[in-house]
């Protein structure tokens, strides 16, 4: 672990390798797990604002889950999350012709209908950020459904922090990311 500004960063994001391999996992991170995608408070407002533009991309099951539960939910632990369909996949998940899970929000973004790509927690994955009062913890999350991504990352020699560069800059800014690169290069 090392400190970078007001963050405490796990060295795993520098040392581990990762490149999403959607052809192998089919987007399992969007359909497995026990909760929806973590959301930041301001992201709930964004979901409220853009829902009408995202809705045409959603499956009927997703629309029903959102209409029944809301565009976002609060977990039993007080965490903000995307709603789930039948306690399984994210309500915002859609599938391509090959059965790969995709994000309806990102589809609307790719079509230029919204200017928000997707929840930052999804964009950052496999990096997870936990905010505390004085700092944020930036950690690598190891999940067996991503073993193919770890293998591909190792094959291509892409460390986690390079794979999620755009998302890290989106979350922490270019200056923070430049500091991370400096630390990684000196290691």
C-alpha atoms as a PDB file:
ATOM      1  CA  UNK A   1       0.000   0.000   0.000  1.00  0.00           C
ATOM      2  CA  UNK A   2       1.118   3.531  -0.679  1.00  0.00           C
ATOM      3  CA  UNK A   3      -0.400   6.976  -0.300  1.00  0.00           C
ATOM      4  CA  UNK A   4      -1.179   9.129  -3.310  1.00  0.00           C
ATOM      5  CA  UNK A   5      -2.875  12.389  -2.391  1.00  0.00           C
ATOM      6  CA  UNK A   6      -5.917  11.526  -0.302  1.00  0.00           C
ATOM      7  CA  UNK A   7      -5.910   7.894  -1.419  1.00  0.00           C
ATOM      8  CA  UNK A   8      -4.338   4.753  -0.058  1.00  0.00           C
ATOM      9  CA  UNK A   9      -3.565   2.544  -3.052  1.00  0.00           C
ATOM     10  CA  UNK A  10      -2.976  -1.207  -3.131  1.00  0.00           C
ATOM     11  CA  UNK A  11       0.174  -2.121  -5.022  1.00  0.00           C
ATOM     12  CA  UNK A  12      -1.861  -4.924  -6.625  1.00  0.00           C
ATOM     13  CA  UNK A  13      -3.218  -2.435  -9.159  1.00  0.00           C
ATOM     14  CA  UNK A  14       0.361  -1.958 -10.351  1.00  0.00           C
ATOM     15  CA  UNK A  15       1.570  -5.546  -9.973  1.00  0.00           C
ATOM     16  CA  UNK A  16      -1.462  -7.545 -11.195  1.00  0.00           C
ATOM     17  CA  UNK A  17      -2.366  -7.789 -14.880  1.00  0.00           C
ATOM     18  CA  UNK A  18      -5.862  -7.613 -16.322  1.00  0.00           C
ATOM     19  CA  UNK A  19      -7.680  -7.152 -19.643  1.00  0.00           C
ATOM     20  CA  UNK A  20     -11.411  -7.897 -19.838  1.00  0.00           C
ATOM     21  CA  UNK A  21     -12.040 -10.932 -22.003  1.00  0.00           C
ATOM     22  CA  UNK A  22     -15.732 -10.612 -22.839  1.00  0.00           C
ATOM     23  CA  UNK A  23     -15.602 -13.453 -25.344  1.00  0.00           C
ATOM     24  CA  UNK A  24     -14.670 -15.776 -22.473  1.00  0.00           C
ATOM     25  CA  UNK A  25     -16.699 -14.455 -19.519  1.00  0.00           C
ATOM     26  CA  UNK A  26     -19.695 -13.052 -21.461  1.00  0.00           C
ATOM     27  CA  UNK A  27     -19.904 -10.115 -19.028  1.00  0.00           C
ATOM     28  CA  UNK A  28     -20.468 -12.277 -15.961  1.00  0.00           C
ATOM     29  CA  UNK A  29     -19.727  -9.367 -13.606  1.00  0.00           C
ATOM     30  CA  UNK A  30     -23.015  -7.760 -14.708  1.00  0.00           C
ATOM     31  CA  UNK A  31     -25.079 -10.873 -13.997  1.00  0.00           C
ATOM     32  CA  UNK A  32     -23.423 -12.546 -11.013  1.00  0.00           C
ATOM     33  CA  UNK A  33     -22.938 -11.460  -7.456  1.00  0.00           C
ATOM     34  CA  UNK A  34     -25.177 -10.575  -4.557  1.00  0.00           C
ATOM     35  CA  UNK A  35     -25.843  -6.890  -5.223  1.00  0.00           C
ATOM     36  CA  UNK A  36     -26.224  -4.301  -7.941  1.00  0.00           C
ATOM     37  CA  UNK A  37     -23.414  -2.068  -9.106  1.00  0.00           C
ATOM     38  CA  UNK A  38     -22.274   0.317  -6.361  1.00  0.00           C
ATOM     39  CA  UNK A  39     -23.321   3.912  -7.017  1.00  0.00           C
ATOM     40  CA  UNK A  40     -22.093   7.259  -5.766  1.00  0.00           C
ATOM     41  CA  UNK A  41     -24.719   9.727  -4.501  1.00  0.00           C
ATOM     42  CA  UNK A  42     -24.386  12.027  -7.535  1.00  0.00           C
ATOM     43  CA  UNK A  43     -24.810   9.032  -9.843  1.00  0.00           C
ATOM     44  CA  UNK A  44     -28.324   8.435  -8.490  1.00  0.00           C
ATOM     45  CA  UNK A  45     -29.263  11.908  -9.720  1.00  0.00           C
ATOM     46  CA  UNK A  46     -27.740  11.131 -13.119  1.00  0.00           C
ATOM     47  CA  UNK A  47     -29.735   7.888 -13.374  1.00  0.00           C
ATOM     48  CA  UNK A  48     -32.922   9.807 -12.566  1.00  0.00           C
ATOM     49  CA  UNK A  49     -32.072  12.362 -15.266  1.00  0.00           C
ATOM     50  CA  UNK A  50     -31.061  10.008 -18.105  1.00  0.00           C
ATOM     51  CA  UNK A  51     -33.457   7.112 -17.570  1.00  0.00           C
ATOM     52  CA  UNK A  52     -35.850   8.143 -20.356  1.00  0.00           C
ATOM     53  CA  UNK A  53     -32.960   8.050 -22.850  1.00  0.00           C
ATOM     54  CA  UNK A  54     -31.661   4.698 -21.584  1.00  0.00           C
ATOM     55  CA  UNK A  55     -35.062   2.994 -21.324  1.00  0.00           C
ATOM     56  CA  UNK A  56     -35.381   2.215 -25.084  1.00  0.00           C
ATOM     57  CA  UNK A  57     -32.223   0.073 -24.819  1.00  0.00           C
ATOM     58  CA  UNK A  58     -33.450  -1.947 -21.831  1.00  0.00           C
ATOM     59  CA  UNK A  59     -35.030  -5.388 -21.835  1.00  0.00           C
ATOM     60  CA  UNK A  60     -38.597  -5.663 -20.550  1.00  0.00           C
ATOM     61  CA  UNK A  61     -37.325  -7.424 -17.409  1.00  0.00           C
ATOM     62  CA  UNK A  62     -35.025  -4.496 -16.695  1.00  0.00           C
ATOM     63  CA  UNK A  63     -37.768  -1.938 -17.212  1.00  0.00           C
ATOM     64  CA  UNK A  64     -40.058  -3.858 -14.867  1.00  0.00           C
ATOM     65  CA  UNK A  65     -37.355  -4.158 -12.191  1.00  0.00           C
ATOM     66  CA  UNK A  66     -36.629  -0.419 -12.405  1.00  0.00           C
ATOM     67  CA  UNK A  67     -40.304   0.507 -12.349  1.00  0.00           C
ATOM     68  CA  UNK A  68     -40.885  -1.772  -9.341  1.00  0.00           C
ATOM     69  CA  UNK A  69     -37.740  -0.896  -7.361  1.00  0.00           C
ATOM     70  CA  UNK A  70     -36.626   2.479  -8.664  1.00  0.00           C
ATOM     71  CA  UNK A  71     -33.759   3.611 -10.892  1.00  0.00           C
ATOM     72  CA  UNK A  72     -31.438   2.890  -7.971  1.00  0.00           C
ATOM     73  CA  UNK A  73     -31.867   1.214  -4.591  1.00  0.00           C
ATOM     74  CA  UNK A  74     -30.423   1.418  -1.099  1.00  0.00           C
ATOM     75  CA  UNK A  75     -29.132  -1.908   0.242  1.00  0.00           C
ATOM     76  CA  UNK A  76     -29.753  -3.225   3.751  1.00  0.00           C
ATOM     77  CA  UNK A  77     -26.301  -1.823   4.568  1.00  0.00           C
ATOM     78  CA  UNK A  78     -27.170   1.678   3.356  1.00  0.00           C
ATOM     79  CA  UNK A  79     -25.178   1.323   0.109  1.00  0.00           C
ATOM     80  CA  UNK A  80     -26.536   2.830  -3.113  1.00  0.00           C
ATOM     81  CA  UNK A  81     -26.772   0.297  -5.964  1.00  0.00           C
ATOM     82  CA  UNK A  82     -28.389  -0.440  -9.288  1.00  0.00           C
ATOM     83  CA  UNK A  83     -31.527  -2.583  -8.935  1.00  0.00           C
ATOM     84  CA  UNK A  84     -31.473  -6.268  -9.830  1.00  0.00           C
ATOM     85  CA  UNK A  85     -33.756  -8.492 -11.876  1.00  0.00           C
ATOM     86  CA  UNK A  86     -34.931 -11.358  -9.634  1.00  0.00           C
ATOM     87  CA  UNK A  87     -31.937 -10.834  -7.291  1.00  0.00           C
ATOM     88  CA  UNK A  88     -29.598 -11.736 -10.164  1.00  0.00           C
ATOM     89  CA  UNK A  89     -28.432  -9.556 -13.061  1.00  0.00           C
ATOM     90  CA  UNK A  90     -28.285  -5.767 -13.044  1.00  0.00           C
ATOM     91  CA  UNK A  91     -31.522  -4.186 -14.273  1.00  0.00           C
ATOM     92  CA  UNK A  92     -29.483  -2.163 -16.784  1.00  0.00           C
ATOM     93  CA  UNK A  93     -27.924  -5.226 -18.427  1.00  0.00           C
ATOM     94  CA  UNK A  94     -28.716  -6.117 -22.016  1.00  0.00           C
ATOM     95  CA  UNK A  95     -27.365  -8.923 -24.187  1.00  0.00           C
ATOM     96  CA  UNK A  96     -25.834  -8.927 -27.646  1.00  0.00           C
ATOM     97  CA  UNK A  97     -26.514 -11.601 -30.288  1.00  0.00           C
ATOM     98  CA  UNK A  98     -23.793 -13.832 -28.780  1.00  0.00           C
ATOM     99  CA  UNK A  99     -25.318 -13.659 -25.299  1.00  0.00           C
ATOM    100  CA  UNK A 100     -22.675 -11.297 -23.915  1.00  0.00           C
ATOM    101  CA  UNK A 101     -23.904  -8.957 -21.186  1.00  0.00           C
ATOM    102  CA  UNK A 102     -23.608  -5.281 -22.052  1.00  0.00           C
ATOM    103  CA  UNK A 103     -24.725  -2.080 -20.332  1.00  0.00           C
ATOM    104  CA  UNK A 104     -27.785  -0.242 -21.647  1.00  0.00           C
ATOM    105  CA  UNK A 105     -26.413   2.997 -20.184  1.00  0.00           C
ATOM    106  CA  UNK A 106     -23.181   2.540 -22.124  1.00  0.00           C
ATOM    107  CA  UNK A 107     -25.149   1.754 -25.285  1.00  0.00           C
ATOM    108  CA  UNK A 108     -27.016   5.062 -24.930  1.00  0.00           C
ATOM    109  CA  UNK A 109     -23.647   6.772 -24.320  1.00  0.00           C
ATOM    110  CA  UNK A 110     -22.105   5.138 -27.415  1.00  0.00           C
ATOM    111  CA  UNK A 111     -25.052   6.394 -29.494  1.00  0.00           C
ATOM    112  CA  UNK A 112     -24.460   9.951 -28.212  1.00  0.00           C
ATOM    113  CA  UNK A 113     -27.772  10.107 -26.343  1.00  0.00           C
ATOM    114  CA  UNK A 114     -26.255  10.620 -22.886  1.00  0.00           C
ATOM    115  CA  UNK A 115     -22.900  11.983 -21.769  1.00  0.00           C
ATOM    116  CA  UNK A 116     -22.440   9.593 -18.827  1.00  0.00           C
ATOM    117  CA  UNK A 117     -20.735   6.321 -19.762  1.00  0.00           C
ATOM    118  CA  UNK A 118     -21.856   4.134 -16.846  1.00  0.00           C
ATOM    119  CA  UNK A 119     -21.447   3.954 -13.064  1.00  0.00           C
ATOM    120  CA  UNK A 120     -17.853   4.629 -12.093  1.00  0.00           C
ATOM    121  CA  UNK A 121     -17.736   1.351 -10.141  1.00  0.00           C
ATOM    122  CA  UNK A 122     -18.412  -0.548 -13.380  1.00  0.00           C
ATOM    123  CA  UNK A 123     -15.932   1.532 -15.374  1.00  0.00           C
ATOM    124  CA  UNK A 124     -13.205   1.031 -12.747  1.00  0.00           C
ATOM    125  CA  UNK A 125     -13.613  -2.739 -12.369  1.00  0.00           C
ATOM    126  CA  UNK A 126     -11.507  -4.663 -11.200  1.00  0.00           C
ATOM    127  CA  UNK A 127     -10.529  -1.641  -9.110  1.00  0.00           C
ATOM    128  CA  UNK A 128     -12.794  -0.936  -6.149  1.00  0.00           C
ATOM    129  CA  UNK A 129     -12.789   2.362  -4.261  1.00  0.00           C
ATOM    130  CA  UNK A 130     -14.026   2.678  -0.682  1.00  0.00           C
ATOM    131  CA  UNK A 131     -14.430   6.211   0.629  1.00  0.00           C
ATOM    132  CA  UNK A 132     -13.612   6.961   4.252  1.00  0.00           C
ATOM    133  CA  UNK A 133     -13.809  10.322   6.019  1.00  0.00           C
ATOM    134  CA  UNK A 134     -10.127  11.222   5.513  1.00  0.00           C
ATOM    135  CA  UNK A 135      -9.121   9.155   2.476  1.00  0.00           C
ATOM    136  CA  UNK A 136     -10.253   6.711  -0.210  1.00  0.00           C
ATOM    137  CA  UNK A 137      -8.930   3.144  -0.380  1.00  0.00           C
ATOM    138  CA  UNK A 138      -8.126   2.042  -3.931  1.00  0.00           C
ATOM    139  CA  UNK A 139      -7.946  -1.753  -4.176  1.00  0.00           C
ATOM    140  CA  UNK A 140      -7.777  -4.550  -6.710  1.00  0.00           C
ATOM    141  CA  UNK A 141     -10.755  -6.920  -6.476  1.00  0.00           C
ATOM    142  CA  UNK A 142      -9.986 -10.528  -7.351  1.00  0.00           C
ATOM    143  CA  UNK A 143     -13.024 -12.482  -8.566  1.00  0.00           C
ATOM    144  CA  UNK A 144     -12.760 -15.965 -10.082  1.00  0.00           C
ATOM    145  CA  UNK A 145     -15.150 -15.064 -12.915  1.00  0.00           C
ATOM    146  CA  UNK A 146     -12.355 -12.785 -14.142  1.00  0.00           C
ATOM    147  CA  UNK A 147      -9.654 -15.472 -14.312  1.00  0.00           C
ATOM    148  CA  UNK A 148      -9.699 -15.224 -18.125  1.00  0.00           C
ATOM    149  CA  UNK A 149      -9.147 -11.460 -17.856  1.00  0.00           C
ATOM    150  CA  UNK A 150      -6.165 -12.067 -15.583  1.00  0.00           C
ATOM    151  CA  UNK A 151      -4.732 -14.585 -18.062  1.00  0.00           C
ATOM    152  CA  UNK A 152      -5.249 -12.219 -20.997  1.00  0.00           C
ATOM    153  CA  UNK A 153      -3.719  -9.338 -19.041  1.00  0.00           C
ATOM    154  CA  UNK A 154      -0.684 -11.470 -18.243  1.00  0.00           C
ATOM    155  CA  UNK A 155      -0.378 -12.565 -21.888  1.00  0.00           C
ATOM    156  CA  UNK A 156      -0.605  -8.955 -23.112  1.00  0.00           C
ATOM    157  CA  UNK A 157       1.433  -7.629 -20.148  1.00  0.00           C
ATOM    158  CA  UNK A 158      -1.151  -4.975 -19.211  1.00  0.00           C
ATOM    159  CA  UNK A 159      -1.191  -3.985 -15.548  1.00  0.00           C
ATOM    160  CA  UNK A 160      -4.556  -3.214 -13.958  1.00  0.00           C
ATOM    161  CA  UNK A 161      -3.865   0.520 -13.664  1.00  0.00           C
ATOM    162  CA  UNK A 162      -3.222   0.776 -17.417  1.00  0.00           C
ATOM    163  CA  UNK A 163      -6.323  -1.243 -18.270  1.00  0.00           C
ATOM    164  CA  UNK A 164      -8.541   1.107 -16.233  1.00  0.00           C
ATOM    165  CA  UNK A 165      -6.622   4.298 -17.085  1.00  0.00           C
ATOM    166  CA  UNK A 166      -9.645   6.182 -18.459  1.00  0.00           C
ATOM    167  CA  UNK A 167     -11.755   5.276 -15.419  1.00  0.00           C
ATOM    168  CA  UNK A 168      -9.029   6.194 -12.919  1.00  0.00           C
ATOM    169  CA  UNK A 169      -8.636   9.581 -14.603  1.00  0.00           C
ATOM    170  CA  UNK A 170     -12.408  10.004 -14.574  1.00  0.00           C
ATOM    171  CA  UNK A 171     -12.496   9.237 -10.838  1.00  0.00           C
ATOM    172  CA  UNK A 172      -9.334  10.936  -9.545  1.00  0.00           C
ATOM    173  CA  UNK A 173      -8.101  13.240 -12.340  1.00  0.00           C
ATOM    174  CA  UNK A 174      -5.096  13.320 -14.649  1.00  0.00           C
ATOM    175  CA  UNK A 175      -2.714  14.670 -11.991  1.00  0.00           C
ATOM    176  CA  UNK A 176      -3.506  11.757  -9.662  1.00  0.00           C
ATOM    177  CA  UNK A 177      -3.068   9.244 -12.488  1.00  0.00           C
ATOM    178  CA  UNK A 178       0.264  10.797 -13.487  1.00  0.00           C
ATOM    179  CA  UNK A 179       1.400  10.331  -9.869  1.00  0.00           C
ATOM    180  CA  UNK A 180       0.342   6.687 -10.014  1.00  0.00           C
ATOM    181  CA  UNK A 181       2.327   6.164 -13.227  1.00  0.00           C
ATOM    182  CA  UNK A 182       5.383   7.836 -11.648  1.00  0.00           C
ATOM    183  CA  UNK A 183       5.139   5.530  -8.637  1.00  0.00           C
ATOM    184  CA  UNK A 184       4.715   2.446 -10.861  1.00  0.00           C
ATOM    185  CA  UNK A 185       7.702   3.347 -13.039  1.00  0.00           C
ATOM    186  CA  UNK A 186       9.967   3.834 -10.009  1.00  0.00           C
ATOM    187  CA  UNK A 187       8.917   0.545  -8.434  1.00  0.00           C
END
